[in-house]
C-alpha atoms as a PDB file:
ATOM      1  CA  MET A   1      -0.125   0.059  -0.044  1.00  0.00           C
ATOM      2  CA  ILE A   2       1.069   3.618  -0.355  1.00  0.00           C
ATOM      3  CA  PRO A   3       3.276   4.465   2.585  1.00  0.00           C
ATOM      4  CA  ALA A   4       2.262   7.388   5.009  1.00  0.00           C
ATOM      5  CA  LEU A   5       4.262  10.645   5.200  1.00  0.00           C
ATOM      6  CA  SER A   6       6.919  10.768   7.798  1.00  0.00           C
ATOM      7  CA  LYS A   7       6.653  12.835  10.841  1.00  0.00           C
ATOM      8  CA  ASP A   8       8.915  15.246   9.498  1.00  0.00           C
ATOM      9  CA  GLU A   9       7.105  15.589   6.338  1.00  0.00           C
ATOM     10  CA  LEU A  10       3.702  16.114   8.047  1.00  0.00           C
ATOM     11  CA  GLN A  11       5.135  18.957  10.032  1.00  0.00           C
ATOM     12  CA  LEU A  12       6.264  20.822   6.900  1.00  0.00           C
ATOM     13  CA  GLU A  13       4.126  23.806   6.029  1.00  0.00           C
ATOM     14  CA  ASP A  14       2.678  23.769   2.568  1.00  0.00           C
ATOM     15  CA  GLU A  15       4.176  26.185   0.105  1.00  0.00           C
ATOM     16  CA  VAL A  16       1.915  28.381  -1.773  1.00  0.00           C
ATOM     17  CA  LYS A  17       1.359  26.584  -4.966  1.00  0.00           C
ATOM     18  CA  ILE A  18       0.366  27.279  -8.527  1.00  0.00           C
ATOM     19  CA  PHE A  19      -1.361  24.214 -10.446  1.00  0.00           C
ATOM     20  CA  TYR A  20      -0.931  24.581 -14.137  1.00  0.00           C
ATOM     21  CA  CYS A  21      -3.492  22.585 -15.788  1.00  0.00           C
ATOM     22  CA  SER A  22      -3.741  21.935 -19.494  1.00  0.00           C
ATOM     23  CA  ARG A  23      -5.613  19.597 -21.909  1.00  0.00           C
ATOM     24  CA  THR A  24      -2.700  17.767 -23.385  1.00  0.00           C
ATOM     25  CA  HIS A  25       0.835  16.746 -22.194  1.00  0.00           C
ATOM     26  CA  SER A  26       2.085  18.513 -25.506  1.00  0.00           C
ATOM     27  CA  GLN A  27       1.144  21.783 -23.678  1.00  0.00           C
ATOM     28  CA  LEU A  28       2.763  20.768 -20.492  1.00  0.00           C
ATOM     29  CA  THR A  29       5.956  20.043 -22.275  1.00  0.00           C
ATOM     30  CA  GLN A  30       5.922  23.659 -23.767  1.00  0.00           C
ATOM     31  CA  PHE A  31       5.239  25.067 -20.388  1.00  0.00           C
ATOM     32  CA  VAL A  32       8.286  23.086 -18.831  1.00  0.00           C
ATOM     33  CA  HIS A  33      10.429  24.528 -21.901  1.00  0.00           C
ATOM     34  CA  GLU A  34       9.259  28.164 -21.111  1.00  0.00           C
ATOM     35  CA  LEU A  35       9.992  27.784 -17.248  1.00  0.00           C
ATOM     36  CA  ARG A  36      13.525  26.608 -18.192  1.00  0.00           C
ATOM     37  CA  ARG A  37      14.081  29.824 -20.213  1.00  0.00           C
ATOM     38  CA  VAL A  38      13.261  32.017 -17.472  1.00  0.00           C
ATOM     39  CA  ASP A  39      15.524  33.049 -14.661  1.00  0.00           C
ATOM     40  CA  PHE A  40      13.950  33.806 -11.444  1.00  0.00           C
ATOM     41  CA  PRO A  41      15.443  35.908  -8.975  1.00  0.00           C
ATOM     42  CA  ALA A  42      15.566  34.839  -5.268  1.00  0.00           C
ATOM     43  CA  PRO A  43      13.035  36.657  -2.723  1.00  0.00           C
ATOM     44  CA  TRP A  44      14.653  40.029  -1.568  1.00  0.00           C
ATOM     45  CA  ARG A  45      15.006  38.960   2.003  1.00  0.00           C
ATOM     46  CA  ASP A  46      17.058  36.042   0.892  1.00  0.00           C
ATOM     47  CA  ILE A  47      19.142  38.489  -1.071  1.00  0.00           C
ATOM     48  CA  GLU A  48      19.434  40.964   1.541  1.00  0.00           C
ATOM     49  CA  GLU A  49      20.518  38.342   4.202  1.00  0.00           C
ATOM     50  CA  THR A  50      23.074  36.424   2.137  1.00  0.00           C
ATOM     51  CA  TYR A  51      24.536  38.525  -0.548  1.00  0.00           C
ATOM     52  CA  ALA A  52      25.986  41.973  -1.225  1.00  0.00           C
ATOM     53  CA  VAL A  53      23.961  44.660  -2.743  1.00  0.00           C
ATOM     54  CA  ASP A  54      25.606  44.371  -5.994  1.00  0.00           C
ATOM     55  CA  GLN A  55      25.161  40.531  -6.336  1.00  0.00           C
ATOM     56  CA  ILE A  56      22.248  39.092  -7.855  1.00  0.00           C
ATOM     57  CA  SER A  57      20.908  35.613  -6.776  1.00  0.00           C
ATOM     58  CA  GLN A  58      18.685  33.152  -8.992  1.00  0.00           C
ATOM     59  CA  VAL A  59      16.725  30.145  -7.652  1.00  0.00           C
ATOM     60  CA  VAL A  60      15.665  27.176  -9.350  1.00  0.00           C
ATOM     61  CA  ILE A  61      11.593  27.116  -9.196  1.00  0.00           C
ATOM     62  CA  LYS A  62      10.279  23.902  -7.537  1.00  0.00           C
ATOM     63  CA  HIS A  63       8.264  22.482 -10.249  1.00  0.00           C
ATOM     64  CA  LEU A  64       6.666  19.236  -9.999  1.00  0.00           C
ATOM     65  CA  PRO A  65       4.755  17.372 -12.875  1.00  0.00           C
ATOM     66  CA  LEU A  66       2.114  15.204 -11.919  1.00  0.00           C
ATOM     67  CA  ALA A  67       0.919  12.427 -14.011  1.00  0.00           C
ATOM     68  CA  SER A  68      -1.179   9.255 -13.920  1.00  0.00           C
ATOM     69  CA  ARG A  69       0.204   5.682 -13.670  1.00  0.00           C
ATOM     70  CA  LYS A  70      -0.056   5.348 -17.362  1.00  0.00           C
ATOM     71  CA  ASN A  71       2.564   7.863 -17.882  1.00  0.00           C
ATOM     72  CA  LEU A  72       4.787   7.178 -14.856  1.00  0.00           C
ATOM     73  CA  CYS A  73       4.653   3.325 -14.561  1.00  0.00           C
ATOM     74  CA  ILE A  74       8.187   1.707 -14.768  1.00  0.00           C
ATOM     75  CA  ASN A  75       6.946  -1.843 -14.077  1.00  0.00           C
ATOM     76  CA  PRO A  76       7.565  -2.983 -17.642  1.00  0.00           C
ATOM     77  CA  LYS A  77       5.033  -6.263 -17.067  1.00  0.00           C
ATOM     78  CA  VAL A  78       2.107  -3.666 -16.049  1.00  0.00           C
ATOM     79  CA  ALA A  79       3.409  -0.609 -18.478  1.00  0.00           C
ATOM     80  CA  LYS A  80       2.750  -3.128 -21.335  1.00  0.00           C
ATOM     81  CA  LEU A  81      -0.640  -3.307 -20.577  1.00  0.00           C
ATOM     82  CA  GLY A  82      -1.072  -0.283 -22.559  1.00  0.00           C
ATOM     83  CA  ASN A  83      -4.373   1.422 -21.398  1.00  0.00           C
ATOM     84  CA  ALA A  84      -5.012   3.386 -18.171  1.00  0.00           C
ATOM     85  CA  PRO A  85      -7.745   1.177 -16.531  1.00  0.00           C
ATOM     86  CA  ALA A  86      -5.933  -1.815 -17.098  1.00  0.00           C
ATOM     87  CA  ILE A  87      -2.514  -0.451 -15.601  1.00  0.00           C
ATOM     88  CA  ASN A  88      -4.171   1.183 -12.639  1.00  0.00           C
ATOM     89  CA  GLU A  89      -6.082  -2.028 -11.843  1.00  0.00           C
ATOM     90  CA  ARG A  90      -2.796  -4.304 -12.340  1.00  0.00           C
ATOM     91  CA  CYS A  91      -0.973  -1.774 -10.002  1.00  0.00           C
ATOM     92  CA  LEU A  92      -3.254  -2.130  -7.228  1.00  0.00           C
ATOM     93  CA  GLU A  93      -3.367  -5.825  -7.461  1.00  0.00           C
ATOM     94  CA  LEU A  94       0.240  -6.124  -7.096  1.00  0.00           C
ATOM     95  CA  GLN A  95      -0.031  -4.355  -3.817  1.00  0.00           C
ATOM     96  CA  GLN A  96      -2.735  -6.392  -2.204  1.00  0.00           C
ATOM     97  CA  PRO A  97      -1.289  -8.067   1.096  1.00  0.00           C
ATOM     98  CA  GLU A  98      -2.197 -11.770  -0.003  1.00  0.00           C
ATOM     99  CA  ILE A  99       0.211 -11.444  -3.001  1.00  0.00           C
ATOM    100  CA  PRO A 100       3.344 -13.002  -2.205  1.00  0.00           C
ATOM    101  CA  LYS A 101       6.308 -10.349  -1.477  1.00  0.00           C
ATOM    102  CA  ASP A 102       8.278 -11.663  -4.456  1.00  0.00           C
ATOM    103  CA  HIS A 103       5.495 -11.129  -6.819  1.00  0.00           C
ATOM    104  CA  ARG A 104       4.466  -7.507  -5.783  1.00  0.00           C
ATOM    105  CA  CYS A 105       5.915  -4.650  -7.665  1.00  0.00           C
ATOM    106  CA  PRO A 106       9.441  -3.999  -6.591  1.00  0.00           C
ATOM    107  CA  PHE A 107       9.232  -0.419  -7.328  1.00  0.00           C
ATOM    108  CA  VAL A 108       6.435   0.590  -5.062  1.00  0.00           C
ATOM    109  CA  PRO A 109       7.736   2.819  -1.923  1.00  0.00           C
ATOM    110  CA  ASN A 110       7.877   0.987   1.315  1.00  0.00           C
ATOM    111  CA  LYS A 111       9.780   1.215   4.658  1.00  0.00           C
ATOM    112  CA  GLU A 112      12.735  -0.672   3.059  1.00  0.00           C
ATOM    113  CA  ASN A 113      13.280   1.882   0.135  1.00  0.00           C
ATOM    114  CA  GLU A 114      12.644   5.165   2.081  1.00  0.00           C
ATOM    115  CA  ALA A 115      16.073   6.245   1.123  1.00  0.00           C
ATOM    116  CA  LEU A 116      15.195   6.018  -2.517  1.00  0.00           C
ATOM    117  CA  VAL A 117      12.254   8.086  -2.344  1.00  0.00           C
ATOM    118  CA  SER A 118      14.120  11.075  -0.505  1.00  0.00           C
ATOM    119  CA  ASP A 119      16.787  10.785  -3.274  1.00  0.00           C
ATOM    120  CA  PHE A 120      14.167  10.801  -5.921  1.00  0.00           C
ATOM    121  CA  ARG A 121      12.305  14.014  -4.250  1.00  0.00           C
ATOM    122  CA  ASP A 122      15.808  15.716  -3.933  1.00  0.00           C
ATOM    123  CA  HIS A 123      16.514  15.016  -7.626  1.00  0.00           C
ATOM    124  CA  THR A 124      12.969  15.886  -8.507  1.00  0.00           C
ATOM    125  CA  LEU A 125      13.122  19.401  -7.116  1.00  0.00           C
ATOM    126  CA  ALA A 126      16.546  20.333  -7.939  1.00  0.00           C
ATOM    127  CA  SER A 127      15.729  21.269 -11.603  1.00  0.00           C
ATOM    128  CA  ILE A 128      12.802  21.862 -13.847  1.00  0.00           C
ATOM    129  CA  ARG A 129      11.661  18.415 -15.248  1.00  0.00           C
ATOM    130  CA  ASP A 130       9.180  17.183 -17.676  1.00  0.00           C
ATOM    131  CA  ILE A 131       6.875  14.169 -16.953  1.00  0.00           C
ATOM    132  CA  GLU A 132       9.334  11.960 -19.116  1.00  0.00           C
ATOM    133  CA  ASP A 133      12.169  12.842 -17.046  1.00  0.00           C
ATOM    134  CA  LEU A 134      10.597  11.716 -13.980  1.00  0.00           C
ATOM    135  CA  GLY A 135      10.062   8.377 -15.724  1.00  0.00           C
ATOM    136  CA  ILE A 136      13.787   8.110 -16.561  1.00  0.00           C
ATOM    137  CA  LEU A 137      14.598   9.278 -12.839  1.00  0.00           C
ATOM    138  CA  GLY A 138      12.525   6.718 -11.280  1.00  0.00           C
ATOM    139  CA  LYS A 139      14.066   3.911 -13.253  1.00  0.00           C
ATOM    140  CA  SER A 140      17.824   5.374 -12.697  1.00  0.00           C
ATOM    141  CA  ILE A 141      17.103   5.236  -9.037  1.00  0.00           C
ATOM    142  CA  GLY A 142      14.661   2.032  -8.753  1.00  0.00           C
ATOM    143  CA  ILE A 143      11.480   3.725  -7.547  1.00  0.00           C
ATOM    144  CA  CYS A 144       8.101   4.162  -8.767  1.00  0.00           C
ATOM    145  CA  PRO A 145       7.757   8.011  -9.815  1.00  0.00           C
ATOM    146  CA  TYR A 146       4.029   7.804  -9.593  1.00  0.00           C
ATOM    147  CA  TYR A 147       4.093   7.055  -5.850  1.00  0.00           C
ATOM    148  CA  ALA A 148       7.478   8.781  -4.943  1.00  0.00           C
ATOM    149  CA  VAL A 149       6.554  12.064  -6.295  1.00  0.00           C
ATOM    150  CA  ARG A 150       3.984  12.471  -3.510  1.00  0.00           C
ATOM    151  CA  SER A 151       6.933  13.023  -1.153  1.00  0.00           C
ATOM    152  CA  SER A 152       7.737  16.258  -3.198  1.00  0.00           C
ATOM    153  CA  ILE A 153       4.134  17.795  -3.103  1.00  0.00           C
ATOM    154  CA  LYS A 154       4.433  19.644   0.219  1.00  0.00           C
ATOM    155  CA  LEU A 155       7.736  21.401  -0.970  1.00  0.00           C
ATOM    156  CA  SER A 156       6.809  22.068  -4.374  1.00  0.00           C
ATOM    157  CA  GLU A 157       6.015  25.816  -5.668  1.00  0.00           C
ATOM    158  CA  VAL A 158       4.573  25.098  -9.257  1.00  0.00           C
ATOM    159  CA  CYS A 159       2.819  21.745 -10.125  1.00  0.00           C
ATOM    160  CA  ALA A 160       1.650  20.978 -13.720  1.00  0.00           C
ATOM    161  CA  ALA A 161      -0.752  18.097 -14.895  1.00  0.00           C
ATOM    162  CA  ALA A 162      -3.232  17.396 -17.630  1.00  0.00           C
ATOM    163  CA  LEU A 163      -6.809  18.779 -16.475  1.00  0.00           C
ATOM    164  CA  THR A 164      -8.135  15.075 -16.727  1.00  0.00           C
ATOM    165  CA  ASP A 165      -5.585  13.958 -14.018  1.00  0.00           C
ATOM    166  CA  ILE A 166      -6.431  16.764 -11.897  1.00  0.00           C
ATOM    167  CA  LEU A 167     -10.083  16.041 -12.047  1.00  0.00           C
ATOM    168  CA  TRP A 168      -9.587  12.501 -11.423  1.00  0.00           C
ATOM    169  CA  ALA A 169      -7.387  13.131  -8.535  1.00  0.00           C
ATOM    170  CA  ASN A 170      -9.806  15.414  -7.281  1.00  0.00           C
ATOM    171  CA  GLU A 171     -12.391  12.559  -7.090  1.00  0.00           C
ATOM    172  CA  ASN A 172      -9.822  10.204  -5.355  1.00  0.00           C
ATOM    173  CA  ALA A 173      -8.242  12.712  -3.181  1.00  0.00           C
ATOM    174  CA  ASP A 174      -4.757  12.395  -1.870  1.00  0.00           C
ATOM    175  CA  ARG A 175      -5.493  14.451   1.343  1.00  0.00           C
ATOM    176  CA  HIS A 176      -1.923  15.835   1.691  1.00  0.00           C
ATOM    177  CA  THR A 177      -2.688  18.985  -0.181  1.00  0.00           C
ATOM    178  CA  SER A 178      -5.558  21.134   0.327  1.00  0.00           C
ATOM    179  CA  LEU A 179      -7.294  23.471  -1.905  1.00  0.00           C
ATOM    180  CA  PRO A 180      -6.857  26.748   0.066  1.00  0.00           C
ATOM    181  CA  ALA A 181      -3.093  26.299  -0.462  1.00  0.00           C
ATOM    182  CA  LEU A 182      -3.473  26.329  -4.259  1.00  0.00           C
ATOM    183  CA  VAL A 183      -3.632  28.781  -6.937  1.00  0.00           C
ATOM    184  CA  THR A 184      -4.841  27.020 -10.065  1.00  0.00           C
ATOM    185  CA  LYS A 185      -4.303  28.083 -13.409  1.00  0.00           C
ATOM    186  CA  VAL A 186      -6.359  26.268 -16.080  1.00  0.00           C
ATOM    187  CA  SER A 187      -5.118  26.862 -19.877  1.00  0.00           C
ATOM    188  CA  GLN A 188      -7.601  27.511 -22.553  1.00  0.00           C
ATOM    189  CA  ARG A 189     -10.370  29.189 -20.616  1.00  0.00           C
ATOM    190  CA  SER A 190     -11.511  25.949 -19.129  1.00  0.00           C
ATOM    191  CA  SER A 191     -14.858  26.504 -16.922  1.00  0.00           C
ATOM    192  CA  TRP A 192     -14.169  23.770 -14.213  1.00  0.00           C
ATOM    193  CA  HIS A 193     -14.655  24.623 -10.666  1.00  0.00           C
ATOM    194  CA  PHE A 194     -13.255  22.951  -7.615  1.00  0.00           C
ATOM    195  CA  ALA A 195     -15.394  23.046  -4.483  1.00  0.00           C
ATOM    196  CA  GLN A 196     -14.082  24.558  -1.319  1.00  0.00           C
ATOM    197  CA  GLY A 197     -12.697  22.163   1.061  1.00  0.00           C
ATOM    198  CA  SER A 198     -12.206  19.619  -1.562  1.00  0.00           C
ATOM    199  CA  TYR A 199      -8.591  18.182  -2.243  1.00  0.00           C
ATOM    200  CA  ILE A 200      -6.166  17.898  -5.153  1.00  0.00           C
ATOM    201  CA  GLY A 201      -3.494  15.280  -5.613  1.00  0.00           C
ATOM    202  CA  CYS A 202      -2.145  12.768  -7.918  1.00  0.00           C
END
């Protein structure tokens, strides 16, 4: 099953987040490309405390792409199923307690690989990544990016996701991120509304 957040993670305050939603993943790729082109200055209070007046500090925006299992699954036996419903169902099946340990998905986070989740989180937020980058990173580290990305949500500043993924997640709420902490930007003037008190995660 999905591991609970650690005590340290639960005590972290949510950053104010911008959720950028788009209808297609190609538009999200373009959004990431534009983010990479921009040099963001550090907050003035940080510059004032750390640098001389004539120095300029730049920061990397803590950008986090969110996506479905279909886009992020790195288990070849599950990913080859192709369609989202089949991948979702098989993923959940492989996490059931009655499944022998050696038949479960080896990439799902658990107590034994917490260090890999932390490593994934640190690498994810260290640079601006696309959805495909998360898959490559997950394979490199050996941890499921679909589940491991949850450890990054509290620390992120800008989250990007396909609108369909956000709406699905709103119905299947991961209650680590609450709507009052979010500013949502939906591209192409979509007229979707999120009820107060609902939750958005992935």
